[in-house]
C-alpha atoms as a PDB file:
ATOM      1  CA  MET A   1      28.962 201.727  88.402  1.00  0.00           C
ATOM      2  CA  VAL A   2      25.192 202.957  89.330  1.00  0.00           C
ATOM      3  CA  PHE A   3      22.165 200.979  88.109  1.00  0.00           C
ATOM      4  CA  ILE A   4      19.602 203.361  87.510  1.00  0.00           C
ATOM      5  CA  SER A   5      15.889 201.667  87.929  1.00  0.00           C
ATOM      6  CA  HIS A   6      12.417 203.475  86.785  1.00  0.00           C
ATOM      7  CA  SER A   7       9.478 203.034  85.110  1.00  0.00           C
ATOM      8  CA  SER A   8       9.594 203.423  81.585  1.00  0.00           C
ATOM      9  CA  LYS A   9       6.860 206.165  81.918  1.00  0.00           C
ATOM     10  CA  ASP A  10       9.580 208.128  83.737  1.00  0.00           C
ATOM     11  CA  ARG A  11      12.257 207.563  80.786  1.00  0.00           C
ATOM     12  CA  ALA A  12      13.134 210.851  80.369  1.00  0.00           C
ATOM     13  CA  THR A  13      13.652 211.872  83.876  1.00  0.00           C
ATOM     14  CA  ALA A  14      15.522 208.643  84.334  1.00  0.00           C
ATOM     15  CA  ASP A  15      18.147 209.834  81.255  1.00  0.00           C
ATOM     16  CA  ALA A  16      18.177 213.275  82.316  1.00  0.00           C
ATOM     17  CA  ILE A  17      19.481 212.023  85.791  1.00  0.00           C
ATOM     18  CA  CYS A  18      21.877 209.578  83.929  1.00  0.00           C
ATOM     19  CA  ALA A  19      23.557 212.274  81.599  1.00  0.00           C
ATOM     20  CA  HIS A  20      23.928 214.364  84.396  1.00  0.00           C
ATOM     21  CA  LEU A  21      25.714 211.629  86.706  1.00  0.00           C
ATOM     22  CA  GLU A  22      28.165 210.571  83.595  1.00  0.00           C
ATOM     23  CA  SER A  23      29.044 214.411  83.086  1.00  0.00           C
ATOM     24  CA  ALA A  24      29.958 214.267  86.568  1.00  0.00           C
ATOM     25  CA  GLY A  25      32.438 211.097  85.825  1.00  0.00           C
ATOM     26  CA  ILE A  26      29.910 208.687  87.491  1.00  0.00           C
ATOM     27  CA  ASN A  27      29.360 205.170  85.271  1.00  0.00           C
ATOM     28  CA  CYS A  28      25.621 204.452  84.795  1.00  0.00           C
ATOM     29  CA  TRP A  29      23.585 201.506  83.939  1.00  0.00           C
ATOM     30  CA  ILE A  30      20.139 202.163  82.223  1.00  0.00           C
ATOM     31  CA  ALA A  31      17.459 200.075  80.322  1.00  0.00           C
ATOM     32  CA  PRO A  32      17.354 199.797  77.476  1.00  0.00           C
ATOM     33  CA  ARG A  33      20.370 201.320  76.535  1.00  0.00           C
ATOM     34  CA  ASP A  34      22.749 199.196  78.329  1.00  0.00           C
ATOM     35  CA  ILE A  35      20.916 195.939  77.700  1.00  0.00           C
ATOM     36  CA  GLU A  36      23.323 193.913  75.227  1.00  0.00           C
ATOM     37  CA  PRO A  37      21.831 193.431  71.840  1.00  0.00           C
ATOM     38  CA  GLY A  38      20.617 189.153  71.701  1.00  0.00           C
ATOM     39  CA  ALA A  39      20.184 189.444  75.600  1.00  0.00           C
ATOM     40  CA  THR A  40      16.393 188.610  76.874  1.00  0.00           C
ATOM     41  CA  TRP A  41      15.505 192.081  79.432  1.00  0.00           C
ATOM     42  CA  THR A  42      15.831 189.614  82.655  1.00  0.00           C
ATOM     43  CA  LYS A  43      19.285 188.096  81.729  1.00  0.00           C
ATOM     44  CA  GLY A  44      20.413 192.308  80.894  1.00  0.00           C
ATOM     45  CA  ILE A  45      19.043 193.644  84.000  1.00  0.00           C
ATOM     46  CA  MET A  46      20.510 190.671  85.658  1.00  0.00           C
ATOM     47  CA  GLN A  47      23.870 191.810  84.288  1.00  0.00           C
ATOM     48  CA  GLY A  48      23.645 195.004  85.113  1.00  0.00           C
ATOM     49  CA  LEU A  49      23.060 194.465  88.838  1.00  0.00           C
ATOM     50  CA  GLU A  50      25.549 192.176  89.111  1.00  0.00           C
ATOM     51  CA  ALA A  51      27.836 195.279  87.867  1.00  0.00           C
ATOM     52  CA  CYS A  52      26.895 198.020  90.041  1.00  0.00           C
ATOM     53  CA  ARG A  53      27.581 198.878  93.422  1.00  0.00           C
ATOM     54  CA  VAL A  54      24.533 201.161  93.806  1.00  0.00           C
ATOM     55  CA  LEU A  55      21.266 201.329  92.631  1.00  0.00           C
ATOM     56  CA  ILE A  56      19.125 204.997  92.393  1.00  0.00           C
ATOM     57  CA  LEU A  57      15.599 204.461  92.427  1.00  0.00           C
ATOM     58  CA  ILE A  58      13.792 207.075  90.387  1.00  0.00           C
ATOM     59  CA  PHE A  59      10.384 206.922  92.652  1.00  0.00           C
ATOM     60  CA  SER A  60       7.123 208.272  91.434  1.00  0.00           C
ATOM     61  CA  GLU A  61       3.653 206.686  91.277  1.00  0.00           C
ATOM     62  CA  HIS A  62       4.340 204.812  88.250  1.00  0.00           C
ATOM     63  CA  VAL A  63       6.766 202.546  90.211  1.00  0.00           C
ATOM     64  CA  ASN A  64       4.217 201.559  92.380  1.00  0.00           C
ATOM     65  CA  ASP A  65       2.667 199.540  89.191  1.00  0.00           C
ATOM     66  CA  SER A  66       5.849 198.152  87.583  1.00  0.00           C
ATOM     67  CA  ASP A  67       6.572 194.837  88.495  1.00  0.00           C
ATOM     68  CA  HIS A  68       9.877 195.040  86.646  1.00  0.00           C
ATOM     69  CA  VAL A  69      11.055 197.819  89.109  1.00  0.00           C
ATOM     70  CA  GLN A  70       9.845 195.872  92.017  1.00  0.00           C
ATOM     71  CA  ARG A  71      11.651 192.665  91.484  1.00  0.00           C
ATOM     72  CA  GLU A  72      14.882 195.102  90.985  1.00  0.00           C
ATOM     73  CA  VAL A  73      14.759 196.744  94.013  1.00  0.00           C
ATOM     74  CA  ALA A  74      14.264 193.352  95.749  1.00  0.00           C
ATOM     75  CA  LYS A  75      17.766 191.976  93.669  1.00  0.00           C
ATOM     76  CA  ALA A  76      19.542 194.696  94.580  1.00  0.00           C
ATOM     77  CA  PHE A  77      18.784 194.573  98.663  1.00  0.00           C
ATOM     78  CA  SER A  78      19.471 190.678  98.465  1.00  0.00           C
ATOM     79  CA  SER A  79      22.592 191.618  96.592  1.00  0.00           C
ATOM     80  CA  GLY A  80      24.053 193.735  98.829  1.00  0.00           C
ATOM     81  CA  LEU A  81      23.931 197.538  97.126  1.00  0.00           C
ATOM     82  CA  VAL A  82      23.328 200.536  98.343  1.00  0.00           C
ATOM     83  CA  VAL A  83      19.818 201.831  97.276  1.00  0.00           C
ATOM     84  CA  ILE A  84      18.941 205.481  96.775  1.00  0.00           C
ATOM     85  CA  PRO A  85      15.058 205.906  96.730  1.00  0.00           C
ATOM     86  CA  PHE A  86      15.353 209.364  94.643  1.00  0.00           C
ATOM     87  CA  ARG A  87      11.649 210.444  94.874  1.00  0.00           C
ATOM     88  CA  ILE A  88      10.532 212.824  91.757  1.00  0.00           C
ATOM     89  CA  LYS A  89       6.688 212.434  93.149  1.00  0.00           C
ATOM     90  CA  ASP A  90       4.954 212.893  96.590  1.00  0.00           C
ATOM     91  CA  VAL A  91       3.747 210.094  96.694  1.00  0.00           C
ATOM     92  CA  LEU A  92       4.041 206.695  99.217  1.00  0.00           C
ATOM     93  CA  PRO A  93       5.468 203.397  97.949  1.00  0.00           C
ATOM     94  CA  ASN A  94       3.090 200.704  97.568  1.00  0.00           C
ATOM     95  CA  GLN A  95       3.221 197.677 100.265  1.00  0.00           C
ATOM     96  CA  SER A  96       5.693 195.484  98.373  1.00  0.00           C
ATOM     97  CA  LEU A  97       8.360 198.396  97.681  1.00  0.00           C
ATOM     98  CA  SER A  98       7.596 199.705 101.609  1.00  0.00           C
ATOM     99  CA  TYR A  99       8.861 196.422 103.131  1.00  0.00           C
ATOM    100  CA  PHE A 100      12.517 197.255 101.225  1.00  0.00           C
ATOM    101  CA  LEU A 101      12.593 200.890 101.025  1.00  0.00           C
ATOM    102  CA  ASP A 102      11.294 201.653 104.873  1.00  0.00           C
ATOM    103  CA  THR A 103      14.637 200.594 105.940  1.00  0.00           C
ATOM    104  CA  VAL A 104      17.022 203.498 104.121  1.00  0.00           C
ATOM    105  CA  GLN A 105      16.848 207.211 103.543  1.00  0.00           C
ATOM    106  CA  TRP A 106      15.570 208.849 100.880  1.00  0.00           C
ATOM    107  CA  LEU A 107      16.449 211.798  98.851  1.00  0.00           C
ATOM    108  CA  ASN A 108      13.228 214.011  98.227  1.00  0.00           C
ATOM    109  CA  ALA A 109      13.623 215.706  94.682  1.00  0.00           C
ATOM    110  CA  SER A 110       9.481 216.325  94.241  1.00  0.00           C
ATOM    111  CA  ALA A 111      10.044 219.859  94.559  1.00  0.00           C
ATOM    112  CA  LEU A 112      10.652 221.730  90.907  1.00  0.00           C
ATOM    113  CA  PRO A 113      13.134 222.048  89.012  1.00  0.00           C
ATOM    114  CA  LEU A 114      15.141 218.814  89.144  1.00  0.00           C
ATOM    115  CA  GLN A 115      18.123 220.174  88.408  1.00  0.00           C
ATOM    116  CA  LYS A 116      18.633 221.932  91.762  1.00  0.00           C
ATOM    117  CA  HIS A 117      18.456 218.119  93.256  1.00  0.00           C
ATOM    118  CA  LEU A 118      21.098 216.254  91.061  1.00  0.00           C
ATOM    119  CA  GLY A 119      24.239 217.770  92.611  1.00  0.00           C
ATOM    120  CA  THR A 120      23.191 216.680  95.559  1.00  0.00           C
ATOM    121  CA  LEU A 121      22.703 213.457  94.048  1.00  0.00           C
ATOM    122  CA  SER A 122      25.715 213.180  92.347  1.00  0.00           C
ATOM    123  CA  GLU A 123      28.112 214.038  95.608  1.00  0.00           C
ATOM    124  CA  LEU A 124      26.182 211.328  97.482  1.00  0.00           C
ATOM    125  CA  VAL A 125      26.738 208.581  94.708  1.00  0.00           C
ATOM    126  CA  LYS A 126      30.715 209.640  94.564  1.00  0.00           C
ATOM    127  CA  LYS A 127      30.877 209.538  98.047  1.00  0.00           C
ATOM    128  CA  LEU A 128      29.477 206.024  98.152  1.00  0.00           C
ATOM    129  CA  LEU A 129      31.755 204.686  95.476  1.00  0.00           C
ATOM    130  CA  ALA A 130      34.677 206.082  97.491  1.00  0.00           C
ATOM    131  CA  ASP A 131      33.758 203.955 100.327  1.00  0.00           C
ATOM    132  CA  ASP A 132      35.779 201.116 100.475  1.00  0.00           C
ATOM    133  CA  SER A 133      32.638 198.914 102.625  1.00  0.00           C
ATOM    134  CA  THR A 134      30.303 199.660  99.700  1.00  0.00           C
ATOM    135  CA  ARG A 135      29.785 196.337  97.940  1.00  0.00           C
ATOM    136  CA  LYS A 136      32.062 195.360  95.060  1.00  0.00           C
ATOM    137  CA  PRO A 137      30.374 193.776  92.100  1.00  0.00           C
ATOM    138  CA  GLN A 138      30.052 190.183  92.965  1.00  0.00           C
ATOM    139  CA  LYS A 139      32.808 187.445  90.846  1.00  0.00           C
ATOM    140  CA  ARG A 140      30.909 184.677  89.322  1.00  0.00           C
ATOM    141  CA  LEU A 141      31.502 181.488  90.941  1.00  0.00           C
ATOM    142  CA  GLY A 142      33.926 178.707  89.844  1.00  0.00           C
ATOM    143  CA  PRO A 143      37.146 179.183  87.262  1.00  0.00           C
ATOM    144  CA  GLU A 144      37.203 180.994  83.917  1.00  0.00           C
ATOM    145  CA  LYS A 145      39.292 177.885  82.661  1.00  0.00           C
ATOM    146  CA  ILE A 146      39.111 174.809  83.608  1.00  0.00           C
ATOM    147  CA  SER A 147      42.852 173.492  84.259  1.00  0.00           C
ATOM    148  CA  VAL A 148      43.447 169.655  83.402  1.00  0.00           C
ATOM    149  CA  ALA A 149      46.181 169.909  85.824  1.00  0.00           C
ATOM    150  CA  ARG A 150      43.481 170.488  88.498  1.00  0.00           C
ATOM    151  CA  LEU A 151      41.239 167.345  87.368  1.00  0.00           C
ATOM    152  CA  PRO A 152      41.385 163.966  89.474  1.00  0.00           C
ATOM    153  CA  VAL A 153      43.918 161.079  87.975  1.00  0.00           C
ATOM    154  CA  THR A 154      41.892 157.834  87.902  1.00  0.00           C
ATOM    155  CA  GLY A 155      44.559 156.384  85.206  1.00  0.00           C
ATOM    156  CA  SER A 156      45.224 157.422  81.780  1.00  0.00           C
ATOM    157  CA  ASP A 157      43.454 154.065  80.606  1.00  0.00           C
ATOM    158  CA  VAL A 158      40.234 152.528  80.295  1.00  0.00           C
ATOM    159  CA  PHE A 159      40.175 149.251  82.319  1.00  0.00           C
ATOM    160  CA  GLY A 160      37.202 146.968  83.070  1.00  0.00           C
ATOM    161  CA  ARG A 161      35.600 147.030  80.105  1.00  0.00           C
ATOM    162  CA  GLU A 162      37.647 145.823  77.324  1.00  0.00           C
ATOM    163  CA  GLU A 163      35.639 143.882  75.374  1.00  0.00           C
ATOM    164  CA  ASP A 164      32.611 146.734  75.513  1.00  0.00           C
ATOM    165  CA  VAL A 165      35.376 148.889  74.338  1.00  0.00           C
ATOM    166  CA  ALA A 166      36.798 146.836  71.595  1.00  0.00           C
ATOM    167  CA  PHE A 167      33.083 146.243  70.123  1.00  0.00           C
ATOM    168  CA  LEU A 168      32.730 149.839  69.952  1.00  0.00           C
ATOM    169  CA  ASN A 169      35.664 150.535  68.261  1.00  0.00           C
ATOM    170  CA  ASP A 170      34.960 147.926  65.682  1.00  0.00           C
ATOM    171  CA  ALA A 171      31.321 149.430  65.317  1.00  0.00           C
ATOM    172  CA  TRP A 172      32.741 153.076  64.827  1.00  0.00           C
ATOM    173  CA  THR A 173      34.996 151.833  61.960  1.00  0.00           C
ATOM    174  CA  ASN A 174      32.936 149.987  60.253  1.00  0.00           C
ATOM    175  CA  GLU A 175      31.295 152.324  57.462  1.00  0.00           C
ATOM    176  CA  HIS A 176      27.824 150.265  57.336  1.00  0.00           C
ATOM    177  CA  VAL A 177      26.872 150.827  61.032  1.00  0.00           C
ATOM    178  CA  ASN A 178      25.407 153.807  62.815  1.00  0.00           C
ATOM    179  CA  VAL A 179      26.264 153.950  66.425  1.00  0.00           C
ATOM    180  CA  VAL A 180      23.023 155.464  68.400  1.00  0.00           C
ATOM    181  CA  THR A 181      24.051 156.589  72.121  1.00  0.00           C
ATOM    182  CA  ILE A 182      21.212 156.033  74.801  1.00  0.00           C
ATOM    183  CA  VAL A 183      22.166 158.602  77.964  1.00  0.00           C
ATOM    184  CA  ALA A 184      20.624 158.538  81.364  1.00  0.00           C
ATOM    185  CA  TRP A 185      21.791 159.488  84.859  1.00  0.00           C
ATOM    186  CA  ALA A 186      23.715 157.406  86.549  1.00  0.00           C
ATOM    187  CA  GLY A 187      22.906 154.355  89.122  1.00  0.00           C
ATOM    188  CA  VAL A 188      19.606 154.016  87.183  1.00  0.00           C
ATOM    189  CA  GLY A 189      20.704 151.339  85.214  1.00  0.00           C
ATOM    190  CA  SER A 190      21.529 150.964  81.952  1.00  0.00           C
ATOM    191  CA  GLN A 191      20.044 147.576  80.671  1.00  0.00           C
ATOM    192  CA  PRO A 192      16.093 148.801  81.390  1.00  0.00           C
ATOM    193  CA  HIS A 193      16.743 151.979  79.405  1.00  0.00           C
ATOM    194  CA  GLY A 194      18.299 149.704  76.517  1.00  0.00           C
ATOM    195  CA  LYS A 195      15.744 147.428  76.411  1.00  0.00           C
ATOM    196  CA  ALA A 196      12.913 149.944  76.540  1.00  0.00           C
ATOM    197  CA  ALA A 197      14.693 152.603  74.256  1.00  0.00           C
ATOM    198  CA  GLU A 198      13.186 153.135  70.746  1.00  0.00           C
ATOM    199  CA  VAL A 199      14.919 154.747  67.632  1.00  0.00           C
ATOM    200  CA  ASP A 200      12.678 156.313  65.349  1.00  0.00           C
ATOM    201  CA  PHE A 201      14.281 157.975  61.949  1.00  0.00           C
ATOM    202  CA  THR A 202      11.496 159.873  59.839  1.00  0.00           C
ATOM    203  CA  GLY A 203      14.017 162.145  57.286  1.00  0.00           C
ATOM    204  CA  ASP A 204      13.110 161.677  53.929  1.00  0.00           C
ATOM    205  CA  ALA A 205      15.919 159.521  53.068  1.00  0.00           C
ATOM    206  CA  CYS A 206      14.553 156.722  55.446  1.00  0.00           C
ATOM    207  CA  ARG A 207      10.836 155.465  54.218  1.00  0.00           C
ATOM    208  CA  GLY A 208       9.173 153.908  57.461  1.00  0.00           C
ATOM    209  CA  GLY A 209      10.210 153.719  61.010  1.00  0.00           C
ATOM    210  CA  LEU A 210      13.343 151.854  62.636  1.00  0.00           C
ATOM    211  CA  ARG A 211      11.590 149.553  65.560  1.00  0.00           C
ATOM    212  CA  ARG A 212      13.726 148.543  68.887  1.00  0.00           C
ATOM    213  CA  ILE A 213      16.320 146.184  67.885  1.00  0.00           C
ATOM    214  CA  SER A 214      16.271 143.096  70.047  1.00  0.00           C
ATOM    215  CA  GLN A 215      19.051 143.185  72.854  1.00  0.00           C
ATOM    216  CA  PRO A 216      21.909 140.219  72.352  1.00  0.00           C
ATOM    217  CA  GLU A 217      21.034 139.369  75.918  1.00  0.00           C
ATOM    218  CA  GLU A 218      17.532 138.201  75.147  1.00  0.00           C
ATOM    219  CA  GLN A 219      18.834 135.659  73.200  1.00  0.00           C
ATOM    220  CA  GLY A 220      21.777 134.162  75.261  1.00  0.00           C
ATOM    221  CA  VAL A 221      24.362 135.835  74.027  1.00  0.00           C
ATOM    222  CA  ARG A 222      27.059 138.661  75.435  1.00  0.00           C
ATOM    223  CA  PRO A 223      27.078 142.009  73.065  1.00  0.00           C
ATOM    224  CA  SER A 224      31.052 141.812  73.285  1.00  0.00           C
ATOM    225  CA  HIS A 225      30.579 138.150  71.028  1.00  0.00           C
ATOM    226  CA  ARG A 226      28.694 139.382  68.556  1.00  0.00           C
ATOM    227  CA  LYS A 227      29.954 141.885  65.563  1.00  0.00           C
ATOM    228  CA  PRO A 228      28.499 144.963  65.250  1.00  0.00           C
ATOM    229  CA  GLU A 229      26.851 143.833  61.621  1.00  0.00           C
ATOM    230  CA  GLU A 230      24.860 140.928  63.618  1.00  0.00           C
ATOM    231  CA  MET A 231      23.230 143.243  65.783  1.00  0.00           C
ATOM    232  CA  VAL A 232      21.297 145.342  62.676  1.00  0.00           C
ATOM    233  CA  ASP A 233      17.711 144.493  62.701  1.00  0.00           C
ATOM    234  CA  THR A 234      17.425 142.792  59.216  1.00  0.00           C
ATOM    235  CA  SER A 235      13.996 142.544  58.836  1.00  0.00           C
ATOM    236  CA  ILE A 236      13.892 146.719  58.519  1.00  0.00           C
ATOM    237  CA  GLU A 237      13.462 147.669  54.600  1.00  0.00           C
ATOM    238  CA  LYS A 238      16.792 150.059  53.704  1.00  0.00           C
ATOM    239  CA  PRO A 239      15.995 152.738  51.219  1.00  0.00           C
ATOM    240  CA  THR A 240      18.852 154.481  49.732  1.00  0.00           C
ATOM    241  CA  MET A 241      20.939 156.409  51.536  1.00  0.00           C
ATOM    242  CA  CYS A 242      19.658 154.708  54.933  1.00  0.00           C
ATOM    243  CA  LYS A 243      22.467 152.751  56.520  1.00  0.00           C
ATOM    244  CA  GLU A 244      21.753 150.107  58.988  1.00  0.00           C
ATOM    245  CA  ALA A 245      21.526 151.036  63.063  1.00  0.00           C
ATOM    246  CA  ILE A 246      23.210 149.766  65.951  1.00  0.00           C
ATOM    247  CA  THR A 247      21.973 150.206  69.597  1.00  0.00           C
ATOM    248  CA  ARG A 248      23.712 148.871  72.811  1.00  0.00           C
ATOM    249  CA  GLY A 249      21.695 148.515  76.259  1.00  0.00           C
END
């Protein structure tokens, strides 16, 4: 597939080139036509470049002022695409573009009419696409679907935290208790984060706030030796539909 890079001010020319190439059996990617509905412009451009092996740059004075085109050219070179600068105006690239384009052969189409240059362009593109050395579209890293059989086996049962698991099982089966989970990166220490955590219910169903519940460790009692309902902060006013809450450090 061929990516057609162009300034929006040269869209009519780009569309004409795209139509000619596709009539010659060459699949093309061109914005905004091929950006998927709902995708951002940047995401669409990146997906288009990943799917292509050749980039045709419709070069005019407008390209020098287009940040989008310059980023497309830079990405194309870094990804190993073959870049064909197709000059439709007799102007020079700016410093940023010349860094890339000075290293490749240009196709000069500044002499009108445009149509007489399109046959040369389509033949060149066909030759490049038929060449096995031309860069193939990159496959995304990682498997499309993770196989459970390939996951490491560490044991089928949870071990070492039996009391904690039993405590949580009791909490989850108690309809009068909500379980609040505090998540942090491994190694940062769950106890300090649990003690510093504050839970705030501000919905219509709960009037006022829910302040941090005292940690059982602070009272000299291990959490697993307390029942879930005993860890509820009973000082909180409980309006209609507002259940008790439970936190663990």
